[in-house]
Amino acid sequence: MEFKNVSVIKKANVYFDGNVTSRTILLSSGERKTLGFMLAGIYEFNTDAEELMEIMGGEMNIMLKGENNYKTYVEGESFIVPENSSFKIIVEDYADYCCSYKFN
C-alpha cells in the first residue's frame, strides 16, 4: 500500500510507555490516517470517530466494547471500531497497523 501527496506530522503519538507509537498522515483529500506499531502487551483505547484498523503485519487480538470474547486479526485483515467507543487489544509479538478515521 502506498499513499501519495500526503503531509506527515513529524511528532510521534506515543502510548503505553512507548510500546505503541504512530505517525499521523494527512491526505490531500483531508482524510486522516495513522501508521503505527505495537510491541507485545495489553492495551485499551477509546475512540471519538469511527476507525478502520488494518493489520499490515503481525497480529492482534481485539475485543470491542460490549463484546465478551477476543477475535484474532492477522496481516491483511481489518476491523471497524464505532465512534465514541473503546476496544481492548492483546499483542503477543508485534502488530503493524494503519488506522483510517471516518471522513465526513
Protein backbone atom coordinates (compact mmCIF):
# COMPACT_ATOMS: atom_id res chain seq x y z
CA MET A 1 0.00 0.00 0.00
CA GLU A 2 1.26 3.44 -0.85
CA PHE A 3 -0.14 6.90 -0.12
CA LYS A 4 0.69 9.77 -2.49
CA ASN A 5 0.52 13.52 -1.89
CA VAL A 6 0.45 13.37 1.91
CA SER A 7 1.61 15.56 4.74
CA VAL A 8 3.19 13.90 7.77
CA ILE A 9 3.03 15.23 11.30
CA LYS A 10 6.60 14.63 12.44
CA LYS A 11 5.92 14.28 16.16
CA ALA A 12 5.03 10.70 17.08
CA ASN A 13 1.95 9.67 19.02
CA VAL A 14 3.39 7.66 21.91
CA TYR A 15 1.28 5.49 24.23
CA PHE A 16 1.88 2.95 26.99
CA ASP A 17 5.48 3.96 27.79
CA GLY A 18 6.47 3.78 24.12
CA ASN A 19 5.11 0.29 23.47
CA VAL A 20 2.62 1.77 20.99
CA THR A 21 3.66 4.51 18.57
CA SER A 22 2.16 6.02 15.45
CA ARG A 23 2.58 8.88 12.98
CA THR A 24 -0.30 10.89 11.60
CA ILE A 25 -0.57 11.44 7.88
CA LEU A 26 -2.97 13.82 6.15
CA LEU A 27 -4.06 13.02 2.61
CA SER A 28 -4.65 15.78 0.07
CA SER A 29 -8.39 14.97 0.35
CA GLY A 30 -8.28 15.95 4.04
CA GLU A 31 -8.55 12.34 5.24
CA ARG A 32 -6.51 11.49 8.35
CA LYS A 33 -4.72 8.20 8.97
CA THR A 34 -2.20 6.92 11.48
CA LEU A 35 0.54 4.43 10.73
CA GLY A 36 1.60 2.63 13.87
CA PHE A 37 3.44 -0.18 15.56
CA MET A 38 2.64 -2.08 18.77
CA LEU A 39 5.01 -4.18 20.82
CA ALA A 40 3.76 -7.14 22.87
CA GLY A 41 1.32 -6.04 25.56
CA ILE A 42 -2.27 -5.47 26.61
CA TYR A 43 -3.84 -2.14 25.68
CA GLU A 44 -7.18 -0.34 25.71
CA PHE A 45 -8.10 2.61 23.52
CA ASN A 46 -11.11 4.94 23.37
CA THR A 47 -12.46 6.34 20.11
CA ASP A 48 -14.06 9.65 19.20
CA ALA A 49 -14.55 8.97 15.48
CA GLU A 50 -15.20 5.68 13.71
CA GLU A 51 -11.92 3.90 12.94
CA LEU A 52 -10.96 1.32 10.35
CA MET A 53 -7.95 -0.62 11.66
CA GLU A 54 -5.97 -2.55 9.03
CA ILE A 55 -3.34 -5.05 10.13
CA MET A 56 -0.22 -4.59 7.97
CA GLY A 57 1.98 -7.12 9.81
CA GLY A 58 1.87 -9.35 12.87
CA GLU A 59 -1.41 -9.92 14.63
CA MET A 60 -3.64 -8.57 17.37
CA ASN A 61 -6.46 -9.97 19.47
CA ILE A 62 -9.35 -7.49 19.65
CA MET A 63 -12.38 -7.21 21.90
CA LEU A 64 -14.75 -4.38 21.02
CA LYS A 65 -16.82 -2.65 23.69
CA GLY A 66 -19.87 -4.74 24.52
CA GLU A 67 -18.31 -8.00 23.34
CA ASN A 68 -17.21 -10.82 25.63
CA ASN A 69 -14.55 -12.56 23.52
CA TYR A 70 -11.39 -11.61 21.69
CA LYS A 71 -11.08 -12.13 17.93
CA THR A 72 -7.67 -12.52 16.27
CA TYR A 73 -6.81 -10.33 13.27
CA VAL A 74 -3.73 -11.00 11.15
CA GLU A 75 -1.91 -9.32 8.27
CA GLY A 76 -4.34 -8.39 5.52
CA GLU A 77 -7.41 -8.30 7.78
CA SER A 78 -9.23 -5.28 9.23
CA PHE A 79 -11.97 -4.32 11.65
CA ILE A 80 -14.07 -1.25 12.43
CA VAL A 81 -14.36 0.42 15.82
CA PRO A 82 -17.53 2.54 16.18
CA GLU A 83 -17.31 6.20 17.17
CA ASN A 84 -17.48 7.04 20.89
CA SER A 85 -16.48 3.52 21.84
CA SER A 86 -13.47 1.56 23.06
CA PHE A 87 -11.58 -1.61 22.32
CA LYS A 88 -9.07 -3.86 24.06
CA ILE A 89 -6.00 -5.24 22.31
CA ILE A 90 -3.67 -8.10 23.17
CA VAL A 91 -0.49 -8.25 21.10
CA GLU A 92 1.63 -11.34 21.68
CA ASP A 93 4.59 -10.46 19.42
CA TYR A 94 4.06 -7.26 17.39
CA ALA A 95 1.45 -5.53 15.25
CA ASP A 96 1.98 -3.09 12.39
CA TYR A 97 -1.20 -1.19 11.55
CA CYS A 98 -2.88 1.56 9.58
CA CYS A 99 -5.84 3.34 11.15
CA SER A 100 -8.23 5.36 8.96
CA TYR A 101 -10.66 7.75 10.58
CA LYS A 102 -14.15 8.29 9.24
CA PHE A 103 -14.05 11.10 6.74
CA ASN A 104 -17.13 13.34 6.60
